[in-house]
C-alpha atoms as a PDB file:
ATOM      1  CA  LEU A   1     -43.210 -39.693  27.646  1.00  0.00           C
ATOM      2  CA  ASP A   2     -42.035 -42.314  25.230  1.00  0.00           C
ATOM      3  CA  VAL A   3     -38.259 -42.781  25.143  1.00  0.00           C
ATOM      4  CA  SER A   4     -38.250 -42.275  21.377  1.00  0.00           C
ATOM      5  CA  ALA A   5     -39.965 -38.853  21.643  1.00  0.00           C
ATOM      6  CA  VAL A   6     -36.669 -36.966  21.444  1.00  0.00           C
ATOM      7  CA  PRO A   7     -37.939 -33.470  20.491  1.00  0.00           C
ATOM      8  CA  ALA A   8     -40.489 -33.472  23.318  1.00  0.00           C
ATOM      9  CA  ARG A   9     -37.947 -34.650  25.887  1.00  0.00           C
ATOM     10  CA  ALA A  10     -35.394 -32.112  24.686  1.00  0.00           C
ATOM     11  CA  ALA A  11     -37.951 -29.309  24.974  1.00  0.00           C
ATOM     12  CA  ILE A  12     -38.974 -30.489  28.438  1.00  0.00           C
ATOM     13  CA  GLY A  13     -35.319 -30.346  29.487  1.00  0.00           C
ATOM     14  CA  ILE A  14     -34.160 -27.152  27.768  1.00  0.00           C
ATOM     15  CA  ILE A  15     -37.090 -24.818  28.471  1.00  0.00           C
ATOM     16  CA  PRO A  16     -36.804 -25.128  32.286  1.00  0.00           C
ATOM     17  CA  VAL A  17     -33.050 -24.485  32.057  1.00  0.00           C
ATOM     18  CA  LEU A  18     -33.691 -21.272  30.147  1.00  0.00           C
ATOM     19  CA  VAL A  19     -36.487 -20.174  32.505  1.00  0.00           C
ATOM     20  CA  THR A  20     -34.443 -20.969  35.624  1.00  0.00           C
ATOM     21  CA  SER A  21     -31.328 -19.179  34.389  1.00  0.00           C
ATOM     22  CA  ASN A  22     -33.473 -16.162  33.436  1.00  0.00           C
ATOM     23  CA  LYS A  23     -35.072 -16.111  36.894  1.00  0.00           C
ATOM     24  CA  LEU A  24     -31.652 -16.451  38.527  1.00  0.00           C
ATOM     25  CA  SER A  25     -30.222 -13.488  36.608  1.00  0.00           C
ATOM     26  CA  THR A  26     -33.371 -11.423  37.265  1.00  0.00           C
ATOM     27  CA  PHE A  27     -33.158 -12.217  40.974  1.00  0.00           C
ATOM     28  CA  ALA A  28     -29.479 -11.277  41.051  1.00  0.00           C
ATOM     29  CA  SER A  29     -30.217  -7.917  39.434  1.00  0.00           C
ATOM     30  CA  ILE A  30     -33.091  -7.108  41.822  1.00  0.00           C
ATOM     31  CA  ILE A  31     -31.405  -7.665  45.181  1.00  0.00           C
ATOM     32  CA  PRO A  32     -28.680  -5.324  46.396  1.00  0.00           C
ATOM     33  CA  PRO A  33     -25.111  -6.601  46.193  1.00  0.00           C
ATOM     34  CA  ILE A  34     -24.311  -8.721  49.244  1.00  0.00           C
ATOM     35  CA  SER A  35     -21.323 -10.856  50.131  1.00  0.00           C
ATOM     36  CA  TYR A  36     -23.204 -14.008  51.168  1.00  0.00           C
ATOM     37  CA  LEU A  37     -25.578 -16.458  49.517  1.00  0.00           C
ATOM     38  CA  THR A  38     -29.298 -16.198  50.055  1.00  0.00           C
ATOM     39  CA  ARG A  39     -31.617 -19.163  50.348  1.00  0.00           C
ATOM     40  CA  MET A  40     -33.261 -18.206  47.093  1.00  0.00           C
ATOM     41  CA  GLU A  41     -29.946 -18.241  45.203  1.00  0.00           C
ATOM     42  CA  THR A  42     -29.100 -21.624  46.688  1.00  0.00           C
ATOM     43  CA  PHE A  43     -32.540 -22.974  45.785  1.00  0.00           C
ATOM     44  CA  MET A  44     -32.258 -21.725  42.189  1.00  0.00           C
ATOM     45  CA  ASP A  45     -28.738 -23.158  41.834  1.00  0.00           C
ATOM     46  CA  VAL A  46     -29.881 -26.568  43.118  1.00  0.00           C
ATOM     47  CA  THR A  47     -32.867 -26.457  40.777  1.00  0.00           C
ATOM     48  CA  LEU A  48     -30.589 -25.703  37.823  1.00  0.00           C
ATOM     49  CA  VAL A  49     -28.303 -28.609  38.765  1.00  0.00           C
ATOM     50  CA  MET A  50     -31.256 -31.008  39.047  1.00  0.00           C
ATOM     51  CA  ILE A  51     -32.599 -29.976  35.628  1.00  0.00           C
ATOM     52  CA  THR A  52     -29.134 -30.457  34.116  1.00  0.00           C
ATOM     53  CA  LEU A  53     -28.897 -33.929  35.688  1.00  0.00           C
ATOM     54  CA  HIS A  54     -32.277 -34.720  34.140  1.00  0.00           C
ATOM     55  CA  MET A  55     -30.880 -33.883  30.693  1.00  0.00           C
ATOM     56  CA  PHE A  56     -27.864 -36.147  31.268  1.00  0.00           C
ATOM     57  CA  GLU A  57     -30.211 -38.921  32.353  1.00  0.00           C
ATOM     58  CA  PHE A  58     -32.259 -38.475  29.191  1.00  0.00           C
ATOM     59  CA  GLY A  59     -29.109 -38.685  27.072  1.00  0.00           C
ATOM     60  CA  MET A  60     -27.993 -41.894  28.764  1.00  0.00           C
ATOM     61  CA  VAL A  61     -31.449 -43.506  28.479  1.00  0.00           C
ATOM     62  CA  HIS A  62     -31.737 -42.550  24.825  1.00  0.00           C
ATOM     63  CA  PHE A  63     -28.255 -43.915  24.030  1.00  0.00           C
ATOM     64  CA  ALA A  64     -28.893 -47.135  25.966  1.00  0.00           C
ATOM     65  CA  GLY A  65     -32.229 -47.613  24.209  1.00  0.00           C
ATOM     66  CA  ARG A  66     -30.645 -47.274  20.775  1.00  0.00           C
ATOM     67  CA  GLN A  67     -27.856 -49.714  21.700  1.00  0.00           C
ATOM     68  CA  TYR A  68     -30.426 -52.188  23.067  1.00  0.00           C
ATOM     69  CA  LYS A  69     -32.429 -52.074  19.829  1.00  0.00           C
ATOM     70  CA  LYS A  70     -29.290 -52.717  17.757  1.00  0.00           C
ATOM     71  CA  LEU A  71     -28.284 -55.630  19.977  1.00  0.00           C
ATOM     72  CA  GLU A  72     -31.804 -57.060  19.844  1.00  0.00           C
ATOM     73  CA  GLN A  73     -31.793 -56.900  16.024  1.00  0.00           C
ATOM     74  CA  ASN A  74     -28.414 -58.632  15.867  1.00  0.00           C
ATOM     75  CA  MET A  75     -29.558 -61.316  18.291  1.00  0.00           C
ATOM     76  CA  ARG A  76     -32.647 -62.044  16.171  1.00  0.00           C
ATOM     77  CA  ARG A  77     -30.440 -62.466  13.098  1.00  0.00           C
ATOM     78  CA  VAL A  78     -28.002 -64.923  14.650  1.00  0.00           C
ATOM     79  CA  GLN A  79     -30.109 -67.265  16.782  1.00  0.00           C
ATOM     80  CA  PRO A  80     -29.783 -70.611  14.979  1.00  0.00           C
ATOM     81  CA  TRP A  81     -32.701 -72.295  16.755  1.00  0.00           C
ATOM     82  CA  GLU A  82     -35.309 -69.853  15.414  1.00  0.00           C
ATOM     83  CA  GLY A  83     -36.567 -69.864  11.853  1.00  0.00           C
ATOM     84  CA  ASP A  84     -34.465 -71.812   9.387  1.00  0.00           C
ATOM     85  CA  GLY A  85     -31.927 -73.632  11.530  1.00  0.00           C
ATOM     86  CA  ASP A  86     -29.673 -74.439   8.573  1.00  0.00           C
ATOM     87  CA  LYS A  87     -28.804 -70.811   7.786  1.00  0.00           C
ATOM     88  CA  MET A  88     -25.166 -70.020   8.502  1.00  0.00           C
ATOM     89  CA  LEU A  89     -23.787 -66.498   8.683  1.00  0.00           C
ATOM     90  CA  SER A  90     -21.002 -65.653   6.310  1.00  0.00           C
ATOM     91  CA  ARG A  91     -17.712 -64.241   7.536  1.00  0.00           C
ATOM     92  CA  ALA A  92     -18.563 -60.875   5.909  1.00  0.00           C
ATOM     93  CA  GLU A  93     -21.883 -60.681   7.822  1.00  0.00           C
ATOM     94  CA  ILE A  94     -20.116 -61.393  11.101  1.00  0.00           C
ATOM     95  CA  ASP A  95     -17.355 -58.863  10.353  1.00  0.00           C
ATOM     96  CA  GLU A  96     -19.821 -56.010   9.835  1.00  0.00           C
ATOM     97  CA  MET A  97     -21.406 -56.597  13.269  1.00  0.00           C
ATOM     98  CA  PRO A  98     -20.239 -54.695  16.364  1.00  0.00           C
ATOM     99  CA  ARG A  99     -17.634 -56.463  18.521  1.00  0.00           C
ATOM    100  CA  HIS A 100     -20.070 -57.446  21.271  1.00  0.00           C
ATOM    101  CA  ALA A 101     -22.402 -59.010  18.698  1.00  0.00           C
ATOM    102  CA  GLN A 102     -19.487 -60.925  17.157  1.00  0.00           C
ATOM    103  CA  ALA A 103     -18.628 -62.343  20.577  1.00  0.00           C
ATOM    104  CA  TYR A 104     -22.257 -63.325  21.028  1.00  0.00           C
ATOM    105  CA  VAL A 105     -22.319 -65.104  17.649  1.00  0.00           C
ATOM    106  CA  ILE A 106     -19.162 -67.033  18.472  1.00  0.00           C
ATOM    107  CA  ALA A 107     -20.469 -68.038  21.912  1.00  0.00           C
ATOM    108  CA  ILE A 108     -23.887 -69.129  20.607  1.00  0.00           C
ATOM    109  CA  THR A 109     -22.322 -71.095  17.751  1.00  0.00           C
ATOM    110  CA  PHE A 110     -19.950 -72.819  20.158  1.00  0.00           C
ATOM    111  CA  VAL A 111     -22.751 -73.775  22.538  1.00  0.00           C
ATOM    112  CA  HIS A 112     -25.079 -74.844  19.707  1.00  0.00           C
ATOM    113  CA  VAL A 113     -22.428 -77.076  18.108  1.00  0.00           C
ATOM    114  CA  HIS A 114     -21.518 -78.723  21.416  1.00  0.00           C
ATOM    115  CA  LEU A 115     -25.152 -79.305  22.406  1.00  0.00           C
ATOM    116  CA  GLU A 116     -25.818 -81.162  19.152  1.00  0.00           C
ATOM    117  CA  LYS A 117     -23.091 -83.728  19.914  1.00  0.00           C
END
């Protein structure tokens, strides 16, 4: 699935959690009360943990993808050697960027100025 297909990925993650928890509660109601774990309970618990880890992974990938797109857009705006090389960013434009993009602008400007000498 595409990383940007959020509803599909959310459905793929949530539906198995609901099905697994339903099966786990059904299984617990069917068997007689015992004081030890069965292999089936252990298997269902591990399955539920793995599905939950999948949802955390999806959240991290989605967040990282959004941050990467923002950084890529900022990098395209500030590279002085592409497009019109005479364009300078104003202080207001730099101030509205995230901190990591501001550091990138300062570093690129420093390198660009010193390479021209």
